[in-house]
Protein backbone atom coordinates (compact mmCIF):
# COMPACT_ATOMS: atom_id res chain seq x y z
CA MET A 1 37.30 14.09 29.31
CA SER A 2 36.09 12.96 25.90
CA GLU A 3 33.13 11.07 27.27
CA GLN A 4 31.50 11.61 30.65
CA ILE A 5 30.28 8.67 32.68
CA VAL A 6 27.10 9.80 34.31
CA GLU A 7 26.97 9.71 38.09
CA HIS A 8 23.37 8.59 38.21
CA ILE A 9 23.23 5.02 36.93
CA ALA A 10 19.90 4.52 35.23
CA SER A 11 18.49 1.08 34.58
CA ALA A 12 19.94 -0.09 31.29
CA PRO A 13 17.81 -1.70 28.62
CA SER A 14 17.54 -5.43 29.21
CA SER A 15 19.35 -6.22 25.95
CA ALA A 16 22.46 -4.32 27.02
CA ALA A 17 22.30 -5.80 30.52
CA GLU A 18 21.86 -9.31 29.14
CA ASN A 19 24.70 -8.88 26.66
CA VAL A 20 27.11 -7.52 29.27
CA ARG A 21 26.12 -10.34 31.61
CA SER A 22 26.89 -12.79 28.81
CA ILE A 23 30.31 -11.15 28.37
CA THR A 24 31.10 -11.44 32.08
CA ASP A 25 29.94 -15.07 32.16
CA ARG A 26 32.18 -15.93 29.20
CA ALA A 27 35.04 -14.03 30.82
CA ARG A 28 34.59 -16.05 34.01
CA ARG A 29 34.79 -19.32 32.08
CA ALA A 30 37.82 -18.06 30.16
CA SER A 31 39.49 -16.98 33.41
CA ARG A 32 39.33 -20.54 34.73
CA ARG A 33 41.14 -21.79 31.64
CA MET A 34 43.70 -18.99 31.84
CA ALA A 35 44.36 -19.78 35.51
CA GLY A 36 45.30 -23.32 34.47
CA ALA A 37 47.56 -22.31 31.59
CA ASN A 38 51.26 -22.75 32.24
CA ARG A 39 53.87 -20.11 31.54
CA ALA A 40 54.97 -21.53 28.19
CA TRP A 41 51.41 -21.49 26.90
CA LYS A 42 50.78 -17.91 28.01
CA ASP A 43 54.12 -16.77 26.59
CA ARG A 44 53.22 -18.29 23.21
CA ALA A 45 50.07 -16.19 23.25
CA LEU A 46 51.98 -12.99 24.03
CA ARG A 47 54.46 -13.63 21.23
CA ALA A 48 51.62 -14.44 18.84
CA ILE A 49 49.96 -11.12 19.68
CA ALA A 50 53.25 -9.25 19.16
CA LYS A 51 53.72 -10.90 15.78
CA GLU A 52 50.19 -10.07 14.66
CA LEU A 53 50.49 -6.45 15.77
CA LEU A 54 53.47 -5.98 13.48
CA ALA A 55 51.87 -7.95 10.64
CA ASN A 56 48.76 -5.75 10.85
CA GLU A 57 50.54 -2.45 11.47
CA HIS A 58 49.18 -0.80 8.32
CA HIS A 59 45.58 -1.67 9.25
CA ILE A 60 46.05 -0.54 12.86
CA LEU A 61 47.50 2.81 11.81
CA ALA A 62 44.78 3.35 9.21
CA GLU A 63 42.05 2.78 11.82
CA ASN A 64 43.91 4.97 14.29
CA ALA A 65 44.12 7.76 11.71
CA ARG A 66 40.30 7.69 11.51
CA ASP A 67 40.06 8.17 15.28
CA VAL A 68 42.67 10.94 15.33
CA ALA A 69 40.98 12.78 12.47
CA ALA A 70 37.61 12.59 14.24
CA GLY A 71 39.18 13.83 17.45
CA ARG A 72 40.82 16.75 15.70
CA GLU A 73 37.51 17.72 14.09
CA GLN A 74 35.84 17.65 17.51
CA GLY A 75 38.45 19.96 19.01
CA THR A 76 40.16 17.33 21.17
CA SER A 77 43.08 18.78 23.13
CA ALA A 78 46.65 18.30 21.95
CA ALA A 79 47.43 16.20 25.03
CA MET A 80 44.50 13.87 24.36
CA LEU A 81 45.41 13.59 20.68
CA ASP A 82 48.95 12.61 21.64
CA ARG A 83 47.66 9.79 23.85
CA LEU A 84 45.28 8.72 21.11
CA THR A 85 47.85 8.62 18.32
CA LEU A 86 49.68 5.45 17.33
CA THR A 87 52.74 5.49 15.09
CA ALA A 88 54.85 2.71 13.61
CA GLN A 89 57.31 3.31 16.44
CA ARG A 90 54.59 3.03 19.08
CA VAL A 91 53.21 -0.17 17.55
CA GLN A 92 56.74 -1.58 17.60
CA GLY A 93 56.95 -0.51 21.24
CA LEU A 94 53.76 -2.42 22.05
CA ALA A 95 55.14 -5.53 20.37
CA ASP A 96 58.46 -5.15 22.20
CA ALA A 97 56.64 -4.81 25.52
CA LEU A 98 54.78 -8.06 24.87
CA GLU A 99 58.03 -9.84 24.02
CA ASN A 100 59.50 -8.49 27.24
CA LEU A 101 56.46 -9.68 29.20
CA ALA A 102 56.99 -13.15 27.76
CA SER A 103 60.55 -13.13 29.12
CA LEU A 104 59.47 -12.28 32.67
CA PRO A 105 58.79 -14.88 35.38
CA ASP A 106 55.20 -16.01 35.81
CA PRO A 107 53.87 -14.60 39.10
CA VAL A 108 51.22 -17.33 39.42
CA GLY A 109 52.28 -19.93 41.97
CA ASN A 110 54.98 -17.76 43.49
CA VAL A 111 55.29 -18.54 47.20
CA VAL A 112 54.93 -15.32 49.19
CA ARG A 113 55.71 -17.07 52.48
CA GLY A 114 55.49 -20.49 54.01
CA GLN A 115 56.43 -22.55 57.03
CA THR A 116 55.77 -25.72 58.95
CA LEU A 117 53.85 -24.92 62.13
CA PRO A 118 54.64 -26.53 65.54
CA ASN A 119 51.63 -28.82 65.13
CA GLY A 120 53.01 -30.17 61.85
CA LEU A 121 50.71 -28.25 59.50
CA ARG A 122 52.50 -27.10 56.37
CA MET A 123 51.23 -23.74 55.19
CA ARG A 124 52.12 -21.47 52.31
CA GLN A 125 50.69 -18.33 50.75
CA VAL A 126 50.89 -18.25 46.96
CA ASN A 127 50.03 -15.79 44.20
CA VAL A 128 46.94 -16.67 42.16
CA PRO A 129 45.13 -14.78 39.37
CA MET A 130 42.52 -12.16 40.24
CA GLY A 131 40.04 -13.79 37.85
CA VAL A 132 38.14 -11.25 35.74
CA VAL A 133 39.74 -7.81 35.45
CA GLY A 134 37.77 -4.84 34.09
CA ALA A 135 39.44 -1.75 32.65
CA ILE A 136 37.81 1.59 31.81
CA TYR A 137 39.96 4.11 29.98
CA GLU A 138 39.78 6.76 27.28
CA ALA A 139 41.71 7.69 24.14
CA ARG A 140 44.59 5.33 25.00
CA PRO A 141 44.75 2.47 22.51
CA ASN A 142 48.13 1.39 23.89
CA VAL A 143 46.30 0.52 27.12
CA THR A 144 44.23 -2.04 25.20
CA VAL A 145 47.37 -4.04 24.47
CA ASP A 146 49.21 -3.34 27.73
CA ILE A 147 46.36 -4.38 30.01
CA ALA A 148 45.46 -7.40 27.90
CA GLY A 149 49.08 -8.60 27.87
CA LEU A 150 49.51 -8.20 31.61
CA ALA A 151 46.16 -9.81 32.36
CA LEU A 152 46.92 -12.81 30.18
CA LYS A 153 50.42 -13.37 31.55
CA SER A 154 49.06 -13.26 35.11
CA GLY A 155 46.35 -15.81 34.25
CA ASN A 156 43.34 -13.51 34.13
CA ALA A 157 40.57 -12.65 31.70
CA VAL A 158 39.98 -8.97 30.93
CA ILE A 159 36.96 -6.90 29.89
CA LEU A 160 37.79 -3.58 28.27
CA ARG A 161 35.96 -0.29 27.89
CA GLY A 162 38.19 1.92 25.76
CA GLY A 163 35.79 4.75 24.89
CA THR A 164 34.51 6.16 21.63
CA ALA A 165 37.55 8.36 20.95
CA ALA A 166 39.63 5.29 20.06
CA ALA A 167 36.77 3.09 18.85
CA HIS A 168 38.20 2.13 15.44
CA THR A 169 41.69 1.49 16.79
CA ASN A 170 40.45 -0.58 19.72
CA GLU A 171 38.20 -2.66 17.49
CA ALA A 172 41.18 -3.52 15.28
CA LEU A 173 43.38 -4.32 18.28
CA LEU A 174 40.70 -6.44 19.95
CA ALA A 175 40.32 -8.59 16.84
CA ILE A 176 44.09 -9.14 16.74
CA LEU A 177 44.22 -10.07 20.42
CA ARG A 178 41.36 -12.56 20.16
CA ASP A 179 42.64 -14.16 16.95
CA ALA A 180 46.11 -14.59 18.45
CA LEU A 181 44.69 -16.27 21.55
CA ASP A 182 42.63 -18.62 19.45
CA SER A 183 45.66 -19.47 17.30
CA VAL A 184 47.53 -20.90 20.31
CA GLY A 185 44.55 -22.70 21.80
CA LEU A 186 43.65 -20.26 24.55
CA PRO A 187 40.12 -18.84 24.88
CA ALA A 188 39.48 -15.75 22.78
CA ASP A 189 36.98 -14.71 25.44
CA ALA A 190 39.90 -14.00 27.78
CA VAL A 191 39.87 -10.57 26.07
CA GLN A 192 36.49 -8.90 25.47
CA SER A 193 35.07 -5.39 25.22
CA VAL A 194 31.85 -3.65 26.18
CA ASP A 195 32.55 -0.70 23.87
CA LYS A 196 29.62 -1.46 21.58
CA TYR A 197 27.26 -0.77 24.50
CA GLY A 198 28.67 2.73 25.08
CA ARG A 199 28.12 4.42 28.42
CA GLU A 200 25.58 1.79 29.41
CA GLY A 201 28.28 -0.83 28.95
CA ALA A 202 30.65 1.13 31.19
CA ASN A 203 27.96 1.58 33.84
CA LEU A 204 27.02 -2.09 33.76
CA LEU A 205 30.68 -3.07 34.05
CA MET A 206 31.02 -0.83 37.11
CA LYS A 207 28.00 -2.52 38.72
CA ALA A 208 29.02 -6.11 37.92
CA ARG A 209 29.97 -7.02 41.47
CA GLY A 210 30.46 -10.75 41.77
CA GLN A 211 31.03 -11.02 38.02
CA VAL A 212 34.10 -8.77 37.76
CA ASP A 213 36.76 -9.15 40.46
CA VAL A 214 38.53 -5.81 40.14
CA LEU A 215 38.10 -2.67 38.05
CA ILE A 216 40.94 -0.38 36.96
CA PRO A 217 40.20 3.10 35.55
CA ARG A 218 42.84 4.96 33.54
CA GLY A 219 42.39 8.48 32.27
CA GLY A 220 41.68 11.99 33.48
CA ARG A 221 40.48 12.95 36.92
CA GLU A 222 36.81 13.08 35.89
CA LEU A 223 36.81 9.54 34.54
CA ILE A 224 38.70 8.12 37.50
CA GLN A 225 36.48 9.82 40.07
CA ALA A 226 33.32 8.78 38.20
CA VAL A 227 34.42 5.15 38.39
CA VAL A 228 35.50 5.37 42.03
CA THR A 229 32.22 7.06 43.00
CA ASN A 230 29.84 4.82 41.07
CA ALA A 231 31.45 1.37 40.98
CA ALA A 232 30.14 -1.52 43.04
CA VAL A 233 33.10 -3.59 41.85
CA PRO A 234 36.32 -3.16 43.89
CA VAL A 235 38.44 -0.46 42.22
CA ILE A 236 42.18 0.11 42.10
CA GLU A 237 42.40 3.86 41.71
CA THR A 238 45.02 5.07 39.27
CA GLY A 239 45.48 8.70 40.12
CA GLU A 240 46.31 11.85 38.28
CA GLY A 241 49.90 12.98 38.37
CA ASN A 242 50.48 16.42 39.87
CA VAL A 243 54.20 15.62 39.91
CA HIS A 244 56.84 17.78 41.64
CA ILE A 245 60.59 18.22 41.28
CA PHE A 246 62.54 20.10 43.97
CA ILE A 247 65.93 21.59 43.03
CA ASP A 248 68.04 21.79 46.18
CA ALA A 249 70.70 24.47 46.68
CA SER A 250 73.45 21.90 46.03
CA ALA A 251 72.15 20.55 42.71
CA ARG A 252 74.40 20.58 39.62
CA GLU A 253 73.35 22.67 36.61
CA ASP A 254 73.97 20.05 33.92
CA MET A 255 71.96 17.43 35.79
CA CYS A 256 69.08 19.81 36.51
CA VAL A 257 68.76 21.02 32.92
CA ASP A 258 68.83 17.51 31.45
CA ILE A 259 66.36 16.10 33.97
CA LEU A 260 63.86 18.96 33.75
CA LEU A 261 63.86 18.90 29.95
CA ASN A 262 63.25 15.16 29.98
CA ALA A 263 60.64 15.27 32.74
CA LYS A 264 58.64 18.08 31.10
CA THR A 265 59.13 17.85 27.34
CA GLN A 266 59.75 14.23 26.37
CA ARG A 267 56.03 13.42 26.45
CA PRO A 268 54.00 16.11 28.22
CA SER A 269 50.66 14.31 28.01
CA VAL A 270 51.46 11.45 30.38
CA CYS A 271 50.97 11.21 34.13
CA ASN A 272 54.65 11.00 35.14
CA THR A 273 55.49 14.35 33.54
CA VAL A 274 56.58 17.04 36.01
CA GLU A 275 53.94 19.73 36.58
CA THR A 276 55.47 21.84 39.38
CA LEU A 277 59.10 22.83 39.86
CA LEU A 278 60.23 24.01 43.29
CA VAL A 279 63.59 25.80 43.44
CA HIS A 280 65.62 26.58 46.54
CA LYS A 281 66.33 30.30 46.97
CA ASP A 282 70.09 29.58 47.01
CA ALA A 283 70.09 27.34 43.94
CA THR A 284 72.48 28.67 41.30
CA VAL A 285 70.93 26.72 38.44
CA THR A 286 67.49 28.35 38.28
CA ARG A 287 68.19 30.78 35.43
CA ALA A 288 69.76 28.06 33.28
CA VAL A 289 66.88 25.66 33.90
CA LEU A 290 64.22 28.26 33.10
CA LYS A 291 66.04 29.27 29.90
CA ALA A 292 66.35 25.67 28.74
CA LEU A 293 62.66 25.03 29.41
CA SER A 294 61.60 28.26 27.70
CA ASP A 295 63.78 27.49 24.67
CA ALA A 296 62.02 24.10 24.48
CA GLY A 297 58.62 25.83 24.26
CA VAL A 298 57.51 25.42 27.88
CA ARG A 299 55.11 28.07 29.19
CA LEU A 300 56.17 29.08 32.70
CA HIS A 301 53.65 29.88 35.46
CA VAL A 302 55.85 31.53 38.07
CA ASP A 303 55.55 33.10 41.50
CA SER A 304 56.77 36.65 42.20
CA ARG A 305 60.21 35.49 43.39
CA VAL A 306 60.89 33.46 40.27
CA ALA A 307 59.57 36.08 37.82
CA PRO A 308 62.80 38.16 37.73
CA LEU A 309 64.77 35.04 36.73
CA VAL A 310 62.62 34.25 33.69
CA PRO A 311 64.54 34.95 30.46
CA ALA A 312 63.43 37.82 28.24
CA GLY A 313 60.89 36.78 25.65
CA ALA A 314 59.81 33.64 27.50
CA ALA A 315 56.12 32.77 27.72
CA SER A 316 55.40 33.34 31.40
CA PHE A 317 52.37 34.02 33.59
CA PRO A 318 51.81 34.82 37.26
CA ALA A 319 51.15 31.61 39.20
CA THR A 320 48.04 31.16 41.32
CA ASP A 321 46.79 28.39 43.60
CA GLU A 322 45.08 26.91 40.55
CA ASP A 323 48.51 26.35 38.98
CA TRP A 324 49.81 24.48 42.03
CA ALA A 325 46.78 22.18 41.78
CA THR A 326 46.86 21.62 38.02
CA GLU A 327 47.99 18.55 36.10
CA TYR A 328 48.64 20.39 32.83
CA MET A 329 49.55 17.36 30.67
CA ASP A 330 50.93 19.93 28.24
CA LEU A 331 53.97 22.19 27.81
CA ASP A 332 53.14 24.22 30.92
CA LEU A 333 55.05 24.24 34.20
CA ALA A 334 54.35 25.92 37.54
CA VAL A 335 57.50 27.24 39.26
CA LYS A 336 57.84 28.37 42.89
CA MET A 337 60.83 29.48 44.96
CA VAL A 338 61.14 28.13 48.50
CA ASP A 339 63.45 29.04 51.37
CA SER A 340 64.16 25.51 52.58
CA LEU A 341 63.63 21.79 52.13
CA PRO A 342 60.90 21.78 54.84
CA GLU A 343 59.02 24.46 52.88
CA ALA A 344 59.29 22.36 49.72
CA LEU A 345 58.01 19.31 51.61
CA GLU A 346 55.07 21.30 52.96
CA HIS A 347 54.13 22.54 49.48
CA ILE A 348 54.23 18.99 48.12
CA ARG A 349 52.11 17.65 50.99
CA LYS A 350 49.48 20.30 50.27
CA TRP A 351 49.24 19.93 46.49
CA SER A 352 50.52 16.47 45.55
CA THR A 353 48.22 13.78 44.20
CA GLY A 354 50.55 11.12 45.62
CA HIS A 355 52.01 10.01 42.28
CA THR A 356 55.71 10.90 41.97
CA GLU A 357 58.02 13.47 43.54
CA ALA A 358 61.72 14.01 42.88
CA ILE A 359 64.62 15.86 44.47
CA LEU A 360 67.76 16.99 42.64
CA THR A 361 70.57 17.37 45.17
CA ASN A 362 74.17 16.61 46.07
CA ASP A 363 73.32 16.62 49.79
CA LEU A 364 72.85 13.04 51.03
CA GLY A 365 71.11 14.20 54.20
CA ASN A 366 68.54 16.19 52.22
CA ALA A 367 67.97 13.26 49.88
CA GLU A 368 67.33 10.93 52.84
CA LYS A 369 64.97 13.44 54.49
CA PHE A 370 63.03 13.83 51.22
CA ILE A 371 62.72 10.04 50.86
CA ALA A 372 61.58 9.64 54.46
CA GLU A 373 59.00 12.41 54.50
CA ILE A 374 57.38 12.22 51.04
CA ASP A 375 54.30 9.99 51.06
CA SER A 376 53.84 9.35 47.35
CA ALA A 377 53.79 6.16 45.32
CA ALA A 378 57.24 6.92 43.88
CA VAL A 379 60.09 9.05 45.25
CA ILE A 380 63.02 9.78 42.97
CA VAL A 381 66.47 11.18 43.69
CA ASN A 382 68.54 12.75 40.89
CA ALA A 383 66.61 11.25 37.97
CA SER A 384 63.66 12.10 35.76
CA THR A 385 60.11 11.51 36.96
CA ARG A 386 59.51 9.79 33.63
CA PHE A 387 60.97 6.63 35.18
CA THR A 388 57.77 6.02 37.15
CA ASP A 389 56.65 3.54 34.53
CA GLY A 390 56.18 -0.21 34.57
CA GLY A 391 58.34 -0.82 31.52
CA GLU A 392 61.15 1.41 32.76
CA LEU A 393 61.14 -0.25 36.19
CA GLY A 394 61.37 -3.76 34.77
CA LEU A 395 57.72 -4.77 35.11
CA GLY A 396 57.33 -5.36 31.35
CA ALA A 397 54.41 -2.93 31.08
CA GLU A 398 51.87 -1.49 33.46
CA VAL A 399 48.15 -1.59 34.03
CA GLY A 400 48.38 1.87 35.51
CA ILE A 401 50.02 3.74 38.37
CA SER A 402 48.10 3.37 41.60
CA THR A 403 48.09 6.30 44.01
CA GLN A 404 46.08 4.45 46.64
CA LYS A 405 47.57 2.16 49.26
CA LEU A 406 45.43 -0.99 48.92
CA HIS A 407 46.09 -3.42 47.38
CA ALA A 408 48.68 -2.01 45.00
CA ARG A 409 50.69 1.21 44.92
CA GLY A 410 52.77 2.73 42.14
CA PRO A 411 53.27 1.09 38.73
CA MET A 412 51.15 -2.06 38.58
CA GLY A 413 52.66 -4.98 36.71
CA LEU A 414 52.10 -8.72 36.75
CA THR A 415 52.18 -9.33 40.49
CA GLU A 416 49.66 -6.54 41.10
CA LEU A 417 47.15 -8.45 38.94
CA THR A 418 47.32 -11.40 41.29
CA THR A 419 45.92 -11.99 44.75
CA THR A 420 46.95 -14.71 47.18
CA LYS A 421 45.63 -18.04 48.34
CA TRP A 422 46.51 -19.83 51.59
CA ILE A 423 47.27 -23.52 51.23
CA VAL A 424 47.36 -25.60 54.40
CA GLN A 425 48.36 -29.29 54.33
CA GLY A 426 48.10 -31.61 57.28
CA GLU A 427 48.00 -35.23 58.38
CA GLY A 428 44.82 -35.36 60.41
CA GLN A 429 45.41 -32.42 62.77
CA VAL A 430 42.41 -30.92 64.57
CA ARG A 431 42.25 -27.63 66.44
CA ALA A 432 42.42 -27.91 70.21
């Protein structure tokens, strides 16, 4: 983790506390205006942000280059540098995601359920904005735009803490977000940051119960656990991704090779990348899969039964319990041979972080058993784990991927940034 949030929360200087309180107060006022904005108004804001991102691409990339250069000088890991880096293609992707968000239905006002009761009362439960959403993350400037876009579309205000690793990039993005909001007549204070107050700002945001309605951490295990442990504000825990793929005895070679290469090598630094491969002892595809992964530069951490199948010259190491527990977020993969589907399920239950698990199989019964018995946020059959993503699943973007069970689980999109309100209408009824 590039910046540790201390577990002991010391009393912050009054100036920082007063300034953060001012930010939360302004966010609360802005949230009331956002809650009253209709879909067309919010969509104009999203499209204005997308337009300004592209118009300011050169400036964004120049500021990002400063952050990346500083990170490289400080010895930041390759995985962290990848998350930190923006390119013209990634900026275009952010703009495209905002345009897609603008095309999605507005969750606010959606009727979850409703009925007329026997006594004539008409009741309905509807989605309403959370209010003020806080986000603490590190070295992920794309999150600045993704969370802001989702918060705005769902009628919320958002307070960001993006960390020092991406300070220059986030400052540039924040200015663009606020200017775009102002240009369409929505409050710029619907998007604010506590970055200038450093760790104190993060700590104060975590303690702002009653001022911030929900807090979402995104990052490595240390950051997430620091927020979960220290926050007084309700937290939606976005968990690390110790992701598994199980190759059943019936799986096809071409499918397995393509899926494993995509799941491990497309973007190793993200949480939906596979970290452990389990292979059935009767699978005929294991050698081909290991060769393809090795040829792609993947370092294999293998158990004693897999070791003889590793191609000559491949980078391989004996696997230990530490490997089964590790989210590498790099071109490393732990590989274990199992005798049966139940053994694979048991291994996953022991080591999974509850993010995503996949099975590659041509056996419908095994697929159904895997679906029924895996208790993770996402279960995938015969496809890459990289699809556990808000954009890929049609949510427009995502705030994060929740591995908890309340109140959201899996990729969190627009609906997950709303809560509900009960509306009861009568004609003079009283309770007996």
